[in-house]
Amino acid sequence: QVQLVESGGGLVQPGGLLRLSCATSGRTFSSYGMGWFRQAPGKKREFVASINWSGSSTGYADSVKGRFTISRDNGKNTLYLQMSDLRPEDTAIYYCAMARYGGRPNGAEGTYGYWGQGTQVTVSS
């Protein structure tokens, strides 16, 4: 009964900021790595960022490195994605996912056992 629920998406202007949240339940959140993925219209889902169980190790896609920050609050069972300097090409549905182990997961979708429903991020003037 693991559930992941994303929130925080919306419309933002280019160069703006946005923070996504992923609330989890049904499993020991602090035991597992987590990841963010996104899917733009007409495109395949792509890896954005990942984090290990404690938050001490993070990884990012080149397209977002230096602009996005993944973090987690194990006390709140919540994963975050802080996005800055947003660009129109960041427009997508953003999904959080729980990995099958505690280490920092890679960008392969098969690494993750559970997925949220997604939240829409639109970057436009």
PDB file of N, CA and C in Angstrom:
ATOM      1  N   GLN A   1       0.812  -1.193   0.000  1.00  0.00           N
ATOM      2  CA  GLN A   1       0.000   0.000   0.000  1.00  0.00           C
ATOM      3  C   GLN A   1       0.861   1.265   0.000  1.00  0.00           C
ATOM      4  N   VAL A   2       1.958   1.220  -0.719  1.00  0.00           N
ATOM      5  CA  VAL A   2       2.815   2.389  -0.843  1.00  0.00           C
ATOM      6  C   VAL A   2       2.138   3.405  -1.748  1.00  0.00           C
ATOM      7  N   GLN A   3       2.124   4.646  -1.307  1.00  0.00           N
ATOM      8  CA  GLN A   3       1.550   5.723  -2.092  1.00  0.00           C
ATOM      9  C   GLN A   3       2.497   6.908  -2.136  1.00  0.00           C
ATOM     10  N   LEU A   4       2.632   7.488  -3.311  1.00  0.00           N
ATOM     11  CA  LEU A   4       3.434   8.681  -3.525  1.00  0.00           C
ATOM     12  C   LEU A   4       2.539   9.736  -4.157  1.00  0.00           C
ATOM     13  N   VAL A   5       2.499  10.919  -3.575  1.00  0.00           N
ATOM     14  CA  VAL A   5       1.623  11.974  -4.063  1.00  0.00           C
ATOM     15  C   VAL A   5       2.414  13.251  -4.256  1.00  0.00           C
ATOM     16  N   GLU A   6       2.540  13.673  -5.515  1.00  0.00           N
ATOM     17  CA  GLU A   6       3.256  14.899  -5.832  1.00  0.00           C
ATOM     18  C   GLU A   6       2.347  16.111  -5.687  1.00  0.00           C
ATOM     19  N   SER A   7       2.954  17.241  -5.380  1.00  0.00           N
ATOM     20  CA  SER A   7       2.233  18.501  -5.317  1.00  0.00           C
ATOM     21  C   SER A   7       3.207  19.639  -5.569  1.00  0.00           C
ATOM     22  N   GLY A   8       2.681  20.829  -5.775  1.00  0.00           N
ATOM     23  CA  GLY A   8       3.511  22.005  -5.944  1.00  0.00           C
ATOM     24  C   GLY A   8       3.679  22.468  -7.370  1.00  0.00           C
ATOM     25  N   GLY A   9       3.166  21.718  -8.314  1.00  0.00           N
ATOM     26  CA  GLY A   9       3.267  22.131  -9.694  1.00  0.00           C
ATOM     27  C   GLY A   9       2.370  23.318  -9.989  1.00  0.00           C
ATOM     28  N   GLY A  10       2.584  23.915 -11.146  1.00  0.00           N
ATOM     29  CA  GLY A  10       1.789  25.057 -11.543  1.00  0.00           C
ATOM     30  C   GLY A  10       2.433  25.820 -12.671  1.00  0.00           C
ATOM     31  N   LEU A  11       1.928  27.009 -12.909  1.00  0.00           N
ATOM     32  CA  LEU A  11       2.434  27.884 -13.957  1.00  0.00           C
ATOM     33  C   LEU A  11       3.427  28.876 -13.374  1.00  0.00           C
ATOM     34  N   VAL A  12       4.584  28.975 -14.001  1.00  0.00           N
ATOM     35  CA  VAL A  12       5.618  29.891 -13.543  1.00  0.00           C
ATOM     36  C   VAL A  12       6.289  30.527 -14.754  1.00  0.00           C
ATOM     37  N   GLN A  13       6.756  31.756 -14.583  1.00  0.00           N
ATOM     38  CA  GLN A  13       7.429  32.453 -15.670  1.00  0.00           C
ATOM     39  C   GLN A  13       8.866  31.974 -15.830  1.00  0.00           C
ATOM     40  N   PRO A  14       9.408  32.082 -17.037  1.00  0.00           N
ATOM     41  CA  PRO A  14      10.820  31.738 -17.222  1.00  0.00           C
ATOM     42  C   PRO A  14      11.706  32.491 -16.236  1.00  0.00           C
ATOM     43  N   GLY A  15      12.682  31.779 -15.690  1.00  0.00           N
ATOM     44  CA  GLY A  15      13.555  32.353 -14.685  1.00  0.00           C
ATOM     45  C   GLY A  15      13.021  32.255 -13.275  1.00  0.00           C
ATOM     46  N   GLY A  16      11.827  31.748 -13.126  1.00  0.00           N
ATOM     47  CA  GLY A  16      11.192  31.672 -11.830  1.00  0.00           C
ATOM     48  C   GLY A  16      11.596  30.465 -11.014  1.00  0.00           C
ATOM     49  N   LEU A  17      10.997  30.373  -9.831  1.00  0.00           N
ATOM     50  CA  LEU A  17      11.270  29.307  -8.878  1.00  0.00           C
ATOM     51  C   LEU A  17      10.015  28.490  -8.613  1.00  0.00           C
ATOM     52  N   LEU A  18      10.215  27.241  -8.286  1.00  0.00           N
ATOM     53  CA  LEU A  18       9.109  26.373  -7.926  1.00  0.00           C
ATOM     54  C   LEU A  18       9.651  25.212  -7.109  1.00  0.00           C
ATOM     55  N   ARG A  19       8.917  24.802  -6.092  1.00  0.00           N
ATOM     56  CA  ARG A  19       9.310  23.639  -5.309  1.00  0.00           C
ATOM     57  C   ARG A  19       8.228  22.580  -5.354  1.00  0.00           C
ATOM     58  N   LEU A  20       8.611  21.401  -5.786  1.00  0.00           N
ATOM     59  CA  LEU A  20       7.715  20.265  -5.808  1.00  0.00           C
ATOM     60  C   LEU A  20       7.904  19.426  -4.553  1.00  0.00           C
ATOM     61  N   SER A  21       6.828  18.818  -4.107  1.00  0.00           N
ATOM     62  CA  SER A  21       6.871  17.927  -2.964  1.00  0.00           C
ATOM     63  C   SER A  21       6.297  16.575  -3.347  1.00  0.00           C
ATOM     64  N   CYS A  22       6.765  15.548  -2.685  1.00  0.00           N
ATOM     65  CA  CYS A  22       6.247  14.202  -2.868  1.00  0.00           C
ATOM     66  C   CYS A  22       6.041  13.597  -1.498  1.00  0.00           C
ATOM     67  N   ALA A  23       4.795  13.480  -1.096  1.00  0.00           N
ATOM     68  CA  ALA A  23       4.455  12.879   0.183  1.00  0.00           C
ATOM     69  C   ALA A  23       4.307  11.374   0.017  1.00  0.00           C
ATOM     70  N   THR A  24       4.902  10.629   0.931  1.00  0.00           N
ATOM     71  CA  THR A  24       4.881   9.173   0.826  1.00  0.00           C
ATOM     72  C   THR A  24       4.219   8.549   2.044  1.00  0.00           C
ATOM     73  N   SER A  25       3.705   7.350   1.846  1.00  0.00           N
ATOM     74  CA  SER A  25       3.098   6.601   2.937  1.00  0.00           C
ATOM     75  C   SER A  25       3.131   5.119   2.604  1.00  0.00           C
ATOM     76  N   GLY A  26       2.976   4.284   3.627  1.00  0.00           N
ATOM     77  CA  GLY A  26       2.867   2.852   3.429  1.00  0.00           C
ATOM     78  C   GLY A  26       4.172   2.080   3.449  1.00  0.00           C
ATOM     79  N   ARG A  27       5.291   2.773   3.643  1.00  0.00           N
ATOM     80  CA  ARG A  27       6.598   2.134   3.669  1.00  0.00           C
ATOM     81  C   ARG A  27       7.544   2.983   4.494  1.00  0.00           C
ATOM     82  N   THR A  28       8.642   2.383   4.920  1.00  0.00           N
ATOM     83  CA  THR A  28       9.642   3.127   5.683  1.00  0.00           C
ATOM     84  C   THR A  28      10.421   4.010   4.718  1.00  0.00           C
ATOM     85  N   PHE A  29       9.979   5.242   4.589  1.00  0.00           N
ATOM     86  CA  PHE A  29      10.520   6.180   3.619  1.00  0.00           C
ATOM     87  C   PHE A  29      12.031   6.332   3.740  1.00  0.00           C
ATOM     88  N   SER A  30      12.519   6.418   4.964  1.00  0.00           N
ATOM     89  CA  SER A  30      13.934   6.688   5.184  1.00  0.00           C
ATOM     90  C   SER A  30      14.845   5.545   4.760  1.00  0.00           C
ATOM     91  N   SER A  31      14.293   4.393   4.417  1.00  0.00           N
ATOM     92  CA  SER A  31      15.090   3.237   4.020  1.00  0.00           C
ATOM     93  C   SER A  31      15.392   3.184   2.529  1.00  0.00           C
ATOM     94  N   TYR A  32      14.803   4.087   1.746  1.00  0.00           N
ATOM     95  CA  TYR A  32      14.882   3.962   0.298  1.00  0.00           C
ATOM     96  C   TYR A  32      15.335   5.224  -0.402  1.00  0.00           C
ATOM     97  N   GLY A  33      16.093   5.001  -1.463  1.00  0.00           N
ATOM     98  CA  GLY A  33      16.422   6.093  -2.351  1.00  0.00           C
ATOM     99  C   GLY A  33      15.182   6.562  -3.099  1.00  0.00           C
ATOM    100  N   MET A  34      15.252   7.776  -3.622  1.00  0.00           N
ATOM    101  CA  MET A  34      14.120   8.370  -4.323  1.00  0.00           C
ATOM    102  C   MET A  34      14.599   9.074  -5.583  1.00  0.00           C
ATOM    103  N   GLY A  35      13.675   9.297  -6.488  1.00  0.00           N
ATOM    104  CA  GLY A  35      14.019   9.988  -7.708  1.00  0.00           C
ATOM    105  C   GLY A  35      12.891  10.849  -8.233  1.00  0.00           C
ATOM    106  N   TRP A  36      13.255  11.794  -9.083  1.00  0.00           N
ATOM    107  CA  TRP A  36      12.305  12.605  -9.832  1.00  0.00           C
ATOM    108  C   TRP A  36      12.498  12.345 -11.325  1.00  0.00           C
ATOM    109  N   PHE A  37      11.394  12.208 -12.011  1.00  0.00           N
ATOM    110  CA  PHE A  37      11.377  12.069 -13.460  1.00  0.00           C
ATOM    111  C   PHE A  37      10.404  13.089 -14.034  1.00  0.00           C
ATOM    112  N   ARG A  38      10.485  13.317 -15.325  1.00  0.00           N
ATOM    113  CA  ARG A  38       9.528  14.212 -15.962  1.00  0.00           C
ATOM    114  C   ARG A  38       9.217  13.725 -17.369  1.00  0.00           C
ATOM    115  N   GLN A  39       8.053  14.109 -17.841  1.00  0.00           N
ATOM    116  CA  GLN A  39       7.632  13.734 -19.175  1.00  0.00           C
ATOM    117  C   GLN A  39       6.940  14.914 -19.846  1.00  0.00           C
ATOM    118  N   ALA A  40       7.551  15.403 -20.904  1.00  0.00           N
ATOM    119  CA  ALA A  40       6.984  16.491 -21.687  1.00  0.00           C
ATOM    120  C   ALA A  40       6.043  15.919 -22.738  1.00  0.00           C
ATOM    121  N   PRO A  41       5.116  16.729 -23.233  1.00  0.00           N
ATOM    122  CA  PRO A  41       4.177  16.241 -24.251  1.00  0.00           C
ATOM    123  C   PRO A  41       4.896  15.662 -25.462  1.00  0.00           C
ATOM    124  N   GLY A  42       4.503  14.465 -25.852  1.00  0.00           N
ATOM    125  CA  GLY A  42       5.071  13.825 -27.017  1.00  0.00           C
ATOM    126  C   GLY A  42       6.450  13.236 -26.822  1.00  0.00           C
ATOM    127  N   LYS A  43       6.965  13.265 -25.602  1.00  0.00           N
ATOM    128  CA  LYS A  43       8.300  12.750 -25.335  1.00  0.00           C
ATOM    129  C   LYS A  43       8.264  11.636 -24.299  1.00  0.00           C
ATOM    130  N   LYS A  44       9.334  10.880 -24.256  1.00  0.00           N
ATOM    131  CA  LYS A  44       9.460   9.821 -23.267  1.00  0.00           C
ATOM    132  C   LYS A  44       9.783  10.399 -21.895  1.00  0.00           C
ATOM    133  N   ARG A  45       9.455   9.644 -20.888  1.00  0.00           N
ATOM    134  CA  ARG A  45       9.787  10.061 -19.535  1.00  0.00           C
ATOM    135  C   ARG A  45      11.303  10.038 -19.351  1.00  0.00           C
ATOM    136  N   GLU A  46      11.840  11.074 -18.716  1.00  0.00           N
ATOM    137  CA  GLU A  46      13.269  11.182 -18.537  1.00  0.00           C
ATOM    138  C   GLU A  46      13.637  11.420 -17.080  1.00  0.00           C
ATOM    139  N   PHE A  47      14.807  10.984 -16.739  1.00  0.00           N
ATOM    140  CA  PHE A  47      15.339  11.140 -15.395  1.00  0.00           C
ATOM    141  C   PHE A  47      15.692  12.588 -15.123  1.00  0.00           C
ATOM    142  N   VAL A  48      15.418  13.043 -13.904  1.00  0.00           N
ATOM    143  CA  VAL A  48      15.736  14.403 -13.488  1.00  0.00           C
ATOM    144  C   VAL A  48      16.773  14.418 -12.377  1.00  0.00           C
ATOM    145  N   ALA A  49      16.502  13.697 -11.294  1.00  0.00           N
ATOM    146  CA  ALA A  49      17.393  13.724 -10.138  1.00  0.00           C
ATOM    147  C   ALA A  49      17.106  12.540  -9.236  1.00  0.00           C
ATOM    148  N   SER A  50      18.074  12.197  -8.399  1.00  0.00           N
ATOM    149  CA  SER A  50      17.883  11.116  -7.441  1.00  0.00           C
ATOM    150  C   SER A  50      18.643  11.408  -6.162  1.00  0.00           C
ATOM    151  N   ILE A  51      18.294  10.683  -5.113  1.00  0.00           N
ATOM    152  CA  ILE A  51      18.862  10.921  -3.798  1.00  0.00           C
ATOM    153  C   ILE A  51      18.865   9.620  -3.008  1.00  0.00           C
ATOM    154  N   ASN A  52      19.888   9.431  -2.198  1.00  0.00           N
ATOM    155  CA  ASN A  52      19.952   8.220  -1.389  1.00  0.00           C
ATOM    156  C   ASN A  52      19.070   8.336  -0.154  1.00  0.00           C
ATOM    157  N   TRP A  53      19.079   7.307   0.654  1.00  0.00           N
ATOM    158  CA  TRP A  53      18.149   7.239   1.782  1.00  0.00           C
ATOM    159  C   TRP A  53      18.286   8.387   2.767  1.00  0.00           C
ATOM    160  N   SER A  54      19.504   8.848   2.989  1.00  0.00           N
ATOM    161  CA  SER A  54      19.749   9.869   4.005  1.00  0.00           C
ATOM    162  C   SER A  54      19.767  11.290   3.445  1.00  0.00           C
ATOM    163  N   GLY A  55      19.911  11.419   2.134  1.00  0.00           N
ATOM    164  CA  GLY A  55      20.054  12.725   1.526  1.00  0.00           C
ATOM    165  C   GLY A  55      21.489  13.163   1.336  1.00  0.00           C
ATOM    166  N   SER A  56      22.438  12.328   1.708  1.00  0.00           N
ATOM    167  CA  SER A  56      23.844  12.690   1.616  1.00  0.00           C
ATOM    168  C   SER A  56      24.418  12.564   0.211  1.00  0.00           C
ATOM    169  N   SER A  57      23.748  11.856  -0.661  1.00  0.00           N
ATOM    170  CA  SER A  57      24.220  11.646  -2.024  1.00  0.00           C
ATOM    171  C   SER A  57      23.112  11.983  -3.007  1.00  0.00           C
ATOM    172  N   THR A  58      23.423  12.852  -3.960  1.00  0.00           N
ATOM    173  CA  THR A  58      22.441  13.252  -4.967  1.00  0.00           C
ATOM    174  C   THR A  58      23.047  13.181  -6.358  1.00  0.00           C
ATOM    175  N   GLY A  59      22.187  13.050  -7.344  1.00  0.00           N
ATOM    176  CA  GLY A  59      22.613  13.036  -8.725  1.00  0.00           C
ATOM    177  C   GLY A  59      21.583  13.724  -9.598  1.00  0.00           C
ATOM    178  N   TYR A  60      22.047  14.306 -10.714  1.00  0.00           N
ATOM    179  CA  TYR A  60      21.181  15.106 -11.568  1.00  0.00           C
ATOM    180  C   TYR A  60      21.433  14.844 -13.040  1.00  0.00           C
ATOM    181  N   ALA A  61      20.384  14.995 -13.822  1.00  0.00           N
ATOM    182  CA  ALA A  61      20.549  15.029 -15.261  1.00  0.00           C
ATOM    183  C   ALA A  61      21.300  16.305 -15.640  1.00  0.00           C
ATOM    184  N   ASP A  62      22.079  16.230 -16.702  1.00  0.00           N
ATOM    185  CA  ASP A  62      22.852  17.394 -17.127  1.00  0.00           C
ATOM    186  C   ASP A  62      21.966  18.606 -17.416  1.00  0.00           C
ATOM    187  N   SER A  63      20.774  18.361 -17.890  1.00  0.00           N
ATOM    188  CA  SER A  63      19.887  19.443 -18.271  1.00  0.00           C
ATOM    189  C   SER A  63      19.409  20.291 -17.096  1.00  0.00           C
ATOM    190  N   VAL A  64      19.487  19.754 -15.884  1.00  0.00           N
ATOM    191  CA  VAL A  64      18.996  20.484 -14.716  1.00  0.00           C
ATOM    192  C   VAL A  64      20.080  20.769 -13.697  1.00  0.00           C
ATOM    193  N   LYS A  65      21.256  20.244 -13.902  1.00  0.00           N
ATOM    194  CA  LYS A  65      22.347  20.414 -12.947  1.00  0.00           C
ATOM    195  C   LYS A  65      22.660  21.897 -12.745  1.00  0.00           C
ATOM    196  N   GLY A  66      22.752  22.292 -11.493  1.00  0.00           N
ATOM    197  CA  GLY A  66      23.009  23.680 -11.162  1.00  0.00           C
ATOM    198  C   GLY A  66      21.762  24.515 -11.011  1.00  0.00           C
ATOM    199  N   ARG A  67      20.628  24.005 -11.447  1.00  0.00           N
ATOM    200  CA  ARG A  67      19.361  24.721 -11.343  1.00  0.00           C
ATOM    201  C   ARG A  67      18.376  24.046 -10.396  1.00  0.00           C
ATOM    202  N   PHE A  68      18.396  22.730 -10.362  1.00  0.00           N
ATOM    203  CA  PHE A  68      17.472  21.969  -9.530  1.00  0.00           C
ATOM    204  C   PHE A  68      18.217  21.365  -8.347  1.00  0.00           C
ATOM    205  N   THR A  69      17.519  21.237  -7.230  1.00  0.00           N
ATOM    206  CA  THR A  69      18.075  20.596  -6.047  1.00  0.00           C
ATOM    207  C   THR A  69      17.076  19.596  -5.495  1.00  0.00           C
ATOM    208  N   ILE A  70      17.500  18.356  -5.382  1.00  0.00           N
ATOM    209  CA  ILE A  70      16.666  17.329  -4.776  1.00  0.00           C
ATOM    210  C   ILE A  70      17.036  17.208  -3.303  1.00  0.00           C
ATOM    211  N   SER A  71      16.039  17.037  -2.468  1.00  0.00           N
ATOM    212  CA  SER A  71      16.278  16.893  -1.038  1.00  0.00           C
ATOM    213  C   SER A  71      15.157  16.060  -0.434  1.00  0.00           C
ATOM    214  N   ARG A  72      15.334  15.703   0.832  1.00  0.00           N
ATOM    215  CA  ARG A  72      14.299  14.926   1.494  1.00  0.00           C
ATOM    216  C   ARG A  72      14.250  15.260   2.968  1.00  0.00           C
ATOM    217  N   ASP A  73      13.083  15.099   3.544  1.00  0.00           N
ATOM    218  CA  ASP A  73      12.875  15.264   4.974  1.00  0.00           C
ATOM    219  C   ASP A  73      12.299  13.949   5.473  1.00  0.00           C
ATOM    220  N   ASN A  74      13.160  13.129   6.032  1.00  0.00           N
ATOM    221  CA  ASN A  74      12.716  11.803   6.456  1.00  0.00           C
ATOM    222  C   ASN A  74      11.737  11.870   7.626  1.00  0.00           C
ATOM    223  N   GLY A  75      11.825  12.923   8.417  1.00  0.00           N
ATOM    224  CA  GLY A  75      10.877  13.092   9.506  1.00  0.00           C
ATOM    225  C   GLY A  75       9.461  13.341   9.021  1.00  0.00           C
ATOM    226  N   LYS A  76       9.333  13.908   7.821  1.00  0.00           N
ATOM    227  CA  LYS A  76       8.032  14.180   7.222  1.00  0.00           C
ATOM    228  C   LYS A  76       7.678  13.205   6.109  1.00  0.00           C
ATOM    229  N   ASN A  77       8.541  12.235   5.866  1.00  0.00           N
ATOM    230  CA  ASN A  77       8.324  11.258   4.792  1.00  0.00           C
ATOM    231  C   ASN A  77       8.085  11.942   3.447  1.00  0.00           C
ATOM    232  N   THR A  78       8.850  12.980   3.186  1.00  0.00           N
ATOM    233  CA  THR A  78       8.602  13.814   2.019  1.00  0.00           C
ATOM    234  C   THR A  78       9.874  14.063   1.219  1.00  0.00           C
ATOM    235  N   LEU A  79       9.739  13.990  -0.074  1.00  0.00           N
ATOM    236  CA  LEU A  79      10.790  14.288  -1.032  1.00  0.00           C
ATOM    237  C   LEU A  79      10.500  15.636  -1.678  1.00  0.00           C
ATOM    238  N   TYR A  80      11.551  16.388  -1.996  1.00  0.00           N
ATOM    239  CA  TYR A  80      11.388  17.705  -2.595  1.00  0.00           C
ATOM    240  C   TYR A  80      12.238  17.853  -3.854  1.00  0.00           C
ATOM    241  N   LEU A  81      11.793  18.741  -4.719  1.00  0.00           N
ATOM    242  CA  LEU A  81      12.593  19.170  -5.853  1.00  0.00           C
ATOM    243  C   LEU A  81      12.484  20.680  -5.946  1.00  0.00           C
ATOM    244  N   GLN A  82      13.556  21.367  -5.589  1.00  0.00           N
ATOM    245  CA  GLN A  82      13.608  22.820  -5.688  1.00  0.00           C
ATOM    246  C   GLN A  82      14.122  23.184  -7.070  1.00  0.00           C
ATOM    247  N   MET A  83      13.335  23.921  -7.814  1.00  0.00           N
ATOM    248  CA  MET A  83      13.673  24.285  -9.177  1.00  0.00           C
ATOM    249  C   MET A  83      13.863  25.787  -9.282  1.00  0.00           C
ATOM    250  N   SER A  84      14.963  26.195  -9.893  1.00  0.00           N
ATOM    251  CA  SER A  84      15.247  27.604 -10.104  1.00  0.00           C
ATOM    252  C   SER A  84      15.637  27.834 -11.551  1.00  0.00           C
ATOM    253  N   ASP A  85      15.629  29.109 -11.945  1.00  0.00           N
ATOM    254  CA  ASP A  85      15.940  29.477 -13.327  1.00  0.00           C
ATOM    255  C   ASP A  85      15.175  28.587 -14.304  1.00  0.00           C
ATOM    256  N   LEU A  86      13.898  28.488 -14.084  1.00  0.00           N
ATOM    257  CA  LEU A  86      13.077  27.605 -14.909  1.00  0.00           C
ATOM    258  C   LEU A  86      13.000  28.096 -16.349  1.00  0.00           C
ATOM    259  N   ARG A  87      12.971  27.152 -17.250  1.00  0.00           N
ATOM    260  CA  ARG A  87      12.947  27.414 -18.677  1.00  0.00           C
ATOM    261  C   ARG A  87      11.744  26.739 -19.313  1.00  0.00           C
ATOM    262  N   PRO A  88      11.304  27.234 -20.462  1.00  0.00           N
ATOM    263  CA  PRO A  88      10.155  26.596 -21.118  1.00  0.00           C
ATOM    264  C   PRO A  88      10.357  25.099 -21.355  1.00  0.00           C
ATOM    265  N   GLU A  89      11.577  24.686 -21.625  1.00  0.00           N
ATOM    266  CA  GLU A  89      11.843  23.273 -21.852  1.00  0.00           C
ATOM    267  C   GLU A  89      11.725  22.424 -20.593  1.00  0.00           C
ATOM    268  N   ASP A  90      11.565  23.061 -19.435  1.00  0.00           N
ATOM    269  CA  ASP A  90      11.298  22.324 -18.206  1.00  0.00           C
ATOM    270  C   ASP A  90       9.829  21.947 -18.074  1.00  0.00           C
ATOM    271  N   THR A  91       9.001  22.456 -18.955  1.00  0.00           N
ATOM    272  CA  THR A  91       7.579  22.146 -18.916  1.00  0.00           C
ATOM    273  C   THR A  91       7.358  20.653 -19.102  1.00  0.00           C
ATOM    274  N   ALA A  92       6.682  20.044 -18.144  1.00  0.00           N
ATOM    275  CA  ALA A  92       6.461  18.600 -18.173  1.00  0.00           C
ATOM    276  C   ALA A  92       5.607  18.203 -16.981  1.00  0.00           C
ATOM    277  N   ILE A  93       5.169  16.973 -17.002  1.00  0.00           N
ATOM    278  CA  ILE A  93       4.606  16.370 -15.808  1.00  0.00           C
ATOM    279  C   ILE A  93       5.761  15.771 -15.026  1.00  0.00           C
ATOM    280  N   TYR A  94       5.854  16.116 -13.761  1.00  0.00           N
ATOM    281  CA  TYR A  94       6.935  15.642 -12.909  1.00  0.00           C
ATOM    282  C   TYR A  94       6.438  14.536 -11.990  1.00  0.00           C
ATOM    283  N   TYR A  95       7.193  13.453 -11.950  1.00  0.00           N
ATOM    284  CA  TYR A  95       6.841  12.286 -11.160  1.00  0.00           C
ATOM    285  C   TYR A  95       7.909  12.003 -10.112  1.00  0.00           C
ATOM    286  N   CYS A  96       7.489  11.641  -8.922  1.00  0.00           N
ATOM    287  CA  CYS A  96       8.440  11.112  -7.955  1.00  0.00           C
ATOM    288  C   CYS A  96       8.340   9.600  -7.946  1.00  0.00           C
ATOM    289  N   ALA A  97       9.417   8.955  -7.541  1.00  0.00           N
ATOM    290  CA  ALA A  97       9.471   7.506  -7.546  1.00  0.00           C
ATOM    291  C   ALA A  97      10.334   7.013  -6.392  1.00  0.00           C
ATOM    292  N   MET A  98       9.968   5.879  -5.842  1.00  0.00           N
ATOM    293  CA  MET A  98      10.717   5.248  -4.765  1.00  0.00           C
ATOM    294  C   MET A  98      11.529   4.088  -5.320  1.00  0.00           C
ATOM    295  N   ALA A  99      12.813   4.065  -5.008  1.00  0.00           N
ATOM    296  CA  ALA A  99      13.698   3.016  -5.477  1.00  0.00           C
ATOM    297  C   ALA A  99      13.503   1.734  -4.685  1.00  0.00           C
ATOM    298  N   ARG A 100      14.178   0.694  -5.126  1.00  0.00           N
ATOM    299  CA  ARG A 100      14.050  -0.613  -4.493  1.00  0.00           C
ATOM    300  C   ARG A 100      15.091  -0.834  -3.393  1.00  0.00           C
ATOM    301  N   TYR A 101      15.955   0.160  -3.163  1.00  0.00           N
ATOM    302  CA  TYR A 101      17.009   0.042  -2.173  1.00  0.00           C
ATOM    303  C   TYR A 101      17.372   1.428  -1.657  1.00  0.00           C
ATOM    304  N   GLY A 102      18.288   1.474  -0.699  1.00  0.00           N
ATOM    305  CA  GLY A 102      18.567   2.727  -0.027  1.00  0.00           C
ATOM    306  C   GLY A 102      19.626   3.603  -0.652  1.00  0.00           C
ATOM    307  N   GLY A 103      20.530   3.034  -1.446  1.00  0.00           N
ATOM    308  CA  GLY A 103      21.570   3.814  -2.085  1.00  0.00           C
ATOM    309  C   GLY A 103      21.000   4.775  -3.107  1.00  0.00           C
ATOM    310  N   ARG A 104      21.833   5.740  -3.541  1.00  0.00           N
ATOM    311  CA  ARG A 104      21.367   6.672  -4.561  1.00  0.00           C
ATOM    312  C   ARG A 104      21.030   5.910  -5.834  1.00  0.00           C
ATOM    313  N   PRO A 105      19.796   5.974  -6.276  1.00  0.00           N
ATOM    314  CA  PRO A 105      19.413   5.200  -7.460  1.00  0.00           C
ATOM    315  C   PRO A 105      19.845   5.882  -8.748  1.00  0.00           C
ATOM    316  N   ASN A 106      19.967   5.095  -9.788  1.00  0.00           N
ATOM    317  CA  ASN A 106      20.307   5.639 -11.090  1.00  0.00           C
ATOM    318  C   ASN A 106      19.044   6.109 -11.812  1.00  0.00           C
ATOM    319  N   GLY A 107      19.203   6.448 -13.089  1.00  0.00           N
ATOM    320  CA  GLY A 107      18.088   6.988 -13.838  1.00  0.00           C
ATOM    321  C   GLY A 107      17.235   5.977 -14.573  1.00  0.00           C
ATOM    322  N   ALA A 108      17.504   4.703 -14.396  1.00  0.00           N
ATOM    323  CA  ALA A 108      16.718   3.667 -15.052  1.00  0.00           C
ATOM    324  C   ALA A 108      15.382   3.495 -14.341  1.00  0.00           C
ATOM    325  N   GLU A 109      14.312   3.496 -15.096  1.00  0.00           N
ATOM    326  CA  GLU A 109      12.987   3.384 -14.493  1.00  0.00           C
ATOM    327  C   GLU A 109      12.804   2.084 -13.729  1.00  0.00           C
ATOM    328  N   GLY A 110      13.464   1.013 -14.175  1.00  0.00           N
ATOM    329  CA  GLY A 110      13.349  -0.267 -13.499  1.00  0.00           C
ATOM    330  C   GLY A 110      13.940  -0.289 -12.104  1.00  0.00           C
ATOM    331  N   THR A 111      14.719   0.722 -11.768  1.00  0.00           N
ATOM    332  CA  THR A 111      15.307   0.837 -10.442  1.00  0.00           C
ATOM    333  C   THR A 111      14.262   1.190  -9.385  1.00  0.00           C
ATOM    334  N   TYR A 112      13.144   1.704  -9.823  1.00  0.00           N
ATOM    335  CA  TYR A 112      12.116   2.226  -8.931  1.00  0.00           C
ATOM    336  C   TYR A 112      10.894   1.316  -8.897  1.00  0.00           C
ATOM    337  N   GLY A 113      10.414   1.062  -7.692  1.00  0.00           N
ATOM    338  CA  GLY A 113       9.293   0.164  -7.539  1.00  0.00           C
ATOM    339  C   GLY A 113       7.940   0.832  -7.450  1.00  0.00           C
ATOM    340  N   TYR A 114       7.920   2.120  -7.091  1.00  0.00           N
ATOM    341  CA  TYR A 114       6.663   2.831  -6.905  1.00  0.00           C
ATOM    342  C   TYR A 114       6.735   4.214  -7.514  1.00  0.00           C
ATOM    343  N   TRP A 115       5.608   4.656  -8.055  1.00  0.00           N
ATOM    344  CA  TRP A 115       5.532   5.935  -8.755  1.00  0.00           C
ATOM    345  C   TRP A 115       4.323   6.733  -8.317  1.00  0.00           C
ATOM    346  N   GLY A 116       4.478   8.049  -8.305  1.00  0.00           N
ATOM    347  CA  GLY A 116       3.364   8.925  -8.034  1.00  0.00           C
ATOM    348  C   GLY A 116       2.561   9.193  -9.287  1.00  0.00           C
ATOM    349  N   GLN A 117       1.511   9.990  -9.137  1.00  0.00           N
ATOM    350  CA  GLN A 117       0.616  10.279 -10.255  1.00  0.00           C
ATOM    351  C   GLN A 117       1.085  11.434 -11.120  1.00  0.00           C
ATOM    352  N   GLY A 118       2.026  12.208 -10.633  1.00  0.00           N
ATOM    353  CA  GLY A 118       2.582  13.316 -11.377  1.00  0.00           C
ATOM    354  C   GLY A 118       1.933  14.646 -11.052  1.00  0.00           C
ATOM    355  N   THR A 119       2.700  15.712 -11.245  1.00  0.00           N
ATOM    356  CA  THR A 119       2.197  17.073 -11.089  1.00  0.00           C
ATOM    357  C   THR A 119       2.704  17.914 -12.252  1.00  0.00           C
ATOM    358  N   GLN A 120       1.832  18.736 -12.801  1.00  0.00           N
ATOM    359  CA  GLN A 120       2.160  19.506 -13.995  1.00  0.00           C
ATOM    360  C   GLN A 120       2.949  20.755 -13.654  1.00  0.00           C
ATOM    361  N   VAL A 121       4.048  20.953 -14.364  1.00  0.00           N
ATOM    362  CA  VAL A 121       4.836  22.175 -14.284  1.00  0.00           C
ATOM    363  C   VAL A 121       4.838  22.816 -15.662  1.00  0.00           C
ATOM    364  N   THR A 122       4.402  24.054 -15.730  1.00  0.00           N
ATOM    365  CA  THR A 122       4.379  24.785 -16.986  1.00  0.00           C
ATOM    366  C   THR A 122       5.176  26.069 -16.833  1.00  0.00           C
ATOM    367  N   VAL A 123       6.182  26.235 -17.672  1.00  0.00           N
ATOM    368  CA  VAL A 123       7.032  27.424 -17.652  1.00  0.00           C
ATOM    369  C   VAL A 123       6.729  28.222 -18.908  1.00  0.00           C
ATOM    370  N   SER A 124       6.099  29.361 -18.723  1.00  0.00           N
ATOM    371  CA  SER A 124       5.664  30.155 -19.864  1.00  0.00           C
ATOM    372  C   SER A 124       5.439  31.593 -19.450  1.00  0.00           C
ATOM    373  N   SER A 125       5.609  32.504 -20.416  1.00  0.00           N
ATOM    374  CA  SER A 125       5.310  33.907 -20.191  1.00  0.00           C
ATOM    375  C   SER A 125       3.837  34.205 -20.388  1.00  0.00           C
TER     376      SER A 125
END
